[in-house]
Protein backbone atom coordinates (compact mmCIF):
# COMPACT_ATOMS: atom_id res chain seq x y z
CA MET A 1 -10.57 18.02 3.66
CA PRO A 2 -7.15 16.90 4.43
CA SER A 3 -5.21 19.69 5.70
CA TYR A 4 -1.16 20.47 6.92
CA ALA A 5 -2.35 20.70 10.67
CA ILE A 6 -0.19 17.63 11.71
CA GLU A 7 2.59 18.50 9.00
CA GLU A 8 2.40 21.95 10.76
CA LEU A 9 2.63 20.49 14.54
CA LEU A 10 5.45 17.96 14.27
CA ILE A 11 7.48 21.24 12.03
CA SER A 12 6.61 23.40 15.29
CA SER A 13 8.55 21.27 17.73
CA ARG A 14 11.62 20.87 15.26
CA PRO A 15 11.79 23.90 12.68
CA GLY A 16 12.82 23.11 9.92
CA ALA A 17 11.93 19.57 9.66
CA LEU A 18 10.93 17.40 6.72
CA VAL A 19 8.32 15.49 7.33
CA ALA A 20 6.64 12.16 5.06
CA GLY A 21 3.12 11.15 4.51
CA VAL A 22 2.96 7.28 4.48
CA ASP A 23 0.56 4.68 3.10
CA GLU A 24 0.25 1.43 1.62
CA VAL A 25 -1.79 -0.69 -0.89
CA GLY A 26 -2.09 -4.27 -1.43
CA ARG A 27 -2.32 -5.61 2.16
CA GLY A 28 -5.44 -7.41 1.92
CA ALA A 29 -5.11 -8.56 -1.82
CA TRP A 30 -5.04 -12.19 -2.43
CA ALA A 31 -2.33 -11.68 -5.25
CA GLY A 32 0.58 -9.19 -6.16
CA PRO A 33 2.81 -6.82 -3.97
CA VAL A 34 2.26 -4.79 -1.17
CA LEU A 35 3.40 -1.45 -2.20
CA VAL A 36 4.49 1.37 0.12
CA CYS A 37 4.25 5.34 -0.61
CA ALA A 38 5.89 8.08 1.13
CA VAL A 39 5.33 11.95 0.36
CA VAL A 40 7.44 15.12 1.13
CA THR A 41 5.82 18.15 0.70
CA ASP A 42 7.07 21.73 1.12
CA LEU A 43 3.52 23.02 2.67
CA SER A 44 2.40 24.31 -0.43
CA GLU A 45 -1.43 24.55 -1.82
CA PRO A 46 -1.82 20.78 -3.39
CA PRO A 47 -3.23 19.97 -6.38
CA ALA A 48 -6.96 20.27 -6.24
CA GLY A 49 -8.97 17.78 -5.07
CA LEU A 50 -6.45 15.84 -3.17
CA THR A 51 -8.12 13.55 -0.70
CA ASP A 52 -8.29 10.28 0.23
CA SER A 53 -7.66 7.72 -2.36
CA LYS A 54 -10.71 5.57 -1.17
CA GLN A 55 -12.91 8.74 -2.13
CA LEU A 56 -11.51 9.02 -5.30
CA SER A 57 -12.98 7.41 -8.52
CA PRO A 58 -10.54 5.61 -10.84
CA GLY A 59 -10.61 8.18 -13.23
CA ARG A 60 -10.03 11.32 -10.82
CA ARG A 61 -7.28 9.45 -9.17
CA ASP A 62 -5.42 8.49 -12.58
CA ALA A 63 -5.98 12.49 -13.13
CA LEU A 64 -4.38 13.34 -9.63
CA PHE A 65 -1.86 11.19 -10.23
CA GLU A 66 0.76 12.99 -12.55
CA SER A 67 -0.53 16.19 -10.75
CA VAL A 68 0.80 15.11 -7.27
CA THR A 69 3.96 13.64 -8.51
CA SER A 70 5.55 16.92 -10.29
CA TRP A 71 3.82 18.89 -6.97
CA ALA A 72 5.30 16.81 -4.67
CA ALA A 73 8.68 17.67 -2.67
CA GLY A 74 9.75 13.84 -2.85
CA VAL A 75 7.68 10.73 -3.68
CA GLY A 76 9.30 7.36 -3.20
CA TYR A 77 8.02 4.04 -3.15
CA GLY A 78 8.75 0.61 -2.21
CA GLU A 79 6.85 -2.82 -2.36
CA ALA A 80 7.40 -6.68 -0.89
CA SER A 81 6.79 -9.38 -3.75
CA HIS A 82 3.87 -11.61 -3.04
CA GLU A 83 7.20 -14.14 -2.45
CA GLU A 84 8.48 -11.52 0.30
CA ILE A 85 4.69 -11.99 2.38
CA ASP A 86 4.61 -15.61 1.82
CA THR A 87 7.99 -16.22 3.25
CA LEU A 88 8.04 -13.20 5.77
CA GLY A 89 4.15 -12.50 6.67
CA MET A 90 2.39 -9.41 5.96
CA THR A 91 4.03 -7.22 9.12
CA GLU A 92 7.56 -7.78 8.52
CA ALA A 93 6.61 -7.35 4.17
CA LEU A 94 5.55 -3.92 5.28
CA ARG A 95 8.09 -2.93 7.43
CA ARG A 96 10.62 -3.80 3.99
CA ALA A 97 8.29 -1.90 1.47
CA ALA A 98 8.16 1.17 4.04
CA HIS A 99 12.08 1.09 4.47
CA ARG A 100 12.37 0.65 0.68
CA ALA A 101 9.91 3.84 0.23
CA LEU A 102 11.45 5.96 2.39
CA SER A 103 15.07 5.27 1.61
CA ALA A 104 13.98 5.94 -1.80
CA LEU A 105 13.03 10.08 -0.97
CA PRO A 106 15.81 12.11 -2.21
CA VAL A 107 15.53 13.51 0.71
CA ARG A 108 15.47 12.03 4.51
CA PRO A 109 12.31 12.69 6.51
CA ASP A 110 12.80 14.21 10.24
CA PHE A 111 9.22 13.03 10.90
CA VAL A 112 7.06 10.28 9.47
CA ILE A 113 3.44 10.47 9.54
CA LEU A 114 1.77 6.62 9.28
CA ASP A 115 -1.61 5.88 8.09
CA GLY A 116 -3.55 3.39 10.81
CA SER A 117 -2.73 2.47 14.08
CA HIS A 118 0.05 0.11 13.95
CA ASP A 119 3.69 1.11 13.81
CA TYR A 120 5.16 -1.29 10.83
CA ILE A 121 8.08 1.22 10.27
CA GLY A 122 10.36 1.64 13.18
CA SER A 123 13.62 2.69 13.85
CA PRO A 124 15.01 4.81 12.65
CA TRP A 125 12.32 7.23 11.93
CA PRO A 126 10.29 8.52 13.91
CA VAL A 127 6.93 7.64 13.53
CA ARG A 128 3.78 9.68 14.50
CA LEU A 129 0.58 6.87 13.73
CA GLU A 130 -2.95 8.97 12.52
CA VAL A 131 -5.62 6.80 12.08
CA ARG A 132 -7.77 7.66 9.22
CA GLY A 133 -4.61 9.91 8.21
CA ASP A 134 -5.37 9.88 4.45
CA SER A 135 -8.07 11.81 5.15
CA ALA A 136 -6.44 13.90 7.87
CA SER A 137 -2.63 14.50 6.38
CA VAL A 138 -2.18 16.16 3.23
CA SER A 139 0.91 14.26 2.69
CA VAL A 140 -1.00 11.04 3.47
CA ALA A 141 -3.54 11.94 0.91
CA ALA A 142 -0.62 12.42 -1.36
CA ALA A 143 0.81 9.11 -0.69
CA SER A 144 -2.70 6.89 -0.58
CA VAL A 145 -3.21 8.58 -4.34
CA LEU A 146 -0.22 7.72 -5.77
CA ALA A 147 0.57 4.26 -3.91
CA LYS A 148 -3.03 3.22 -5.30
CA VAL A 149 -2.65 4.30 -8.97
CA ARG A 150 0.93 2.73 -9.22
CA ARG A 151 -0.32 -1.28 -7.73
CA ASP A 152 -3.60 -0.93 -9.87
CA THR A 153 -1.44 0.12 -12.85
CA TYR A 154 0.65 -2.97 -12.44
CA MET A 155 -1.74 -5.08 -11.52
CA ALA A 156 -3.60 -4.37 -14.51
CA SER A 157 -0.61 -5.22 -16.78
CA LEU A 158 -0.26 -8.68 -15.86
CA ASP A 159 -1.14 -11.32 -18.08
CA CYS A 160 -3.70 -13.23 -16.29
CA PRO A 161 -6.79 -13.95 -18.56
CA GLY A 162 -10.07 -14.36 -16.41
CA PHE A 163 -8.82 -13.13 -13.15
CA GLY A 164 -10.20 -9.39 -14.13
CA PHE A 165 -6.74 -7.55 -11.95
CA ASP A 166 -7.90 -4.77 -14.02
CA GLU A 167 -10.99 -4.34 -11.92
CA ASN A 168 -9.91 -6.13 -8.53
CA ALA A 169 -6.11 -5.37 -8.62
CA GLY A 170 -6.03 -8.82 -7.27
CA TYR A 171 -8.37 -8.28 -3.94
CA PRO A 172 -11.20 -10.65 -3.46
CA SER A 173 -13.92 -10.54 -5.80
CA PRO A 174 -16.39 -13.20 -7.57
CA VAL A 175 -14.27 -12.77 -10.79
CA HIS A 176 -11.33 -13.35 -9.08
CA GLN A 177 -12.96 -16.37 -7.19
CA ALA A 178 -14.23 -18.17 -9.57
CA ALA A 179 -11.08 -17.88 -11.67
CA LEU A 180 -9.14 -19.39 -8.83
CA ALA A 181 -11.30 -22.09 -8.18
CA GLU A 182 -10.96 -23.29 -12.14
CA SER A 183 -7.54 -22.58 -12.72
CA GLY A 184 -5.96 -22.47 -9.78
CA PRO A 185 -3.28 -19.65 -8.69
CA THR A 186 -1.02 -17.42 -10.62
CA ALA A 187 2.60 -16.84 -10.57
CA HIS A 188 1.68 -13.78 -8.46
CA HIS A 189 -0.59 -15.02 -6.06
CA ARG A 190 0.19 -15.54 -2.02
CA LEU A 191 0.38 -19.29 -1.70
CA SER A 192 0.78 -19.02 2.11
CA TRP A 193 -2.88 -17.43 2.45
CA SER A 194 -5.94 -19.39 3.85
CA TYR A 195 -7.72 -18.96 0.66
CA MET A 196 -5.84 -21.64 -0.48
CA ASP A 197 -7.77 -23.79 1.66
CA ASP A 198 -10.86 -23.50 0.06
CA LEU A 199 -9.52 -24.47 -3.39
CA PRO A 200 -9.77 -28.21 -3.43
CA ARG A 201 -8.08 -28.77 -6.34
CA TRP A 202 -5.16 -26.65 -5.76
CA LYS A 203 -4.73 -27.01 -2.03
CA HIS A 204 -1.47 -28.77 -2.46
CA LEU A 205 0.59 -25.81 -3.80
CA LYS A 206 -0.11 -24.05 -0.69
CA LYS A 207 3.07 -22.78 0.55
CA HIS A 208 3.18 -23.26 4.91
CA ARG A 209 5.28 -20.62 6.81
CA ASP A 210 6.70 -20.94 10.12
CA PRO A 211 3.50 -20.60 12.42
CA LEU A 212 5.35 -17.70 14.88
CA VAL A 213 5.99 -15.48 11.36
CA GLY A 214 3.10 -13.45 10.36
CA GLU A 215 -0.68 -13.13 10.72
CA GLY A 216 -3.94 -15.07 9.65
CA GLN A 217 -5.41 -14.23 6.25
CA LEU A 218 -8.57 -13.72 4.35
CA SER A 219 -10.14 -17.16 3.25
CA LEU A 220 -11.58 -17.56 -0.23
CA PHE A 221 -15.40 -17.51 1.34
CA GLY A 222 -15.04 -14.99 4.19
């Protein structure tokens, strides 16, 4: 289970420091925004059962959402739209979403624990990378749950019959793949991604980004 070991280590180097845990959701989706959540805690006992969102059922995540929100000392959300992802690439989109999330906090953190091995946040926040941080840090685990529930709820609210966004949240799935092949991309899809190359009827809609900007993306068939 996550603990405060990383938070306490950072605070020991600067007594009184505030630490934010940061996690993202939506990086690998074909549709919708990428969303980043930042959470600051007062190191109090977290809600029972809080852990990495991927280890929790949808029902358990939903049940934790309100309790984590009310327990946290500060919560900030930031997102980058599918248009920003198409224009800027995922790394820059993540950076912007993270800066928006951190700027939305009611307090300014002195340190940031970022889940993963790549610092997409950068200056001006001192970032500590933590692989599997959502399993190790209470703050990051809280951010992972809040980010997942918030984005899933948004994707389920979109009026896109047949795409199964209430189940797949815009990520690759057989239902999503079949709907794309039949109906083409919706107004919420990332049109620069390589899955568009696998849609003969719709590939003329693909957006082409400067090859020096952004990263390779998932194709429709793997």
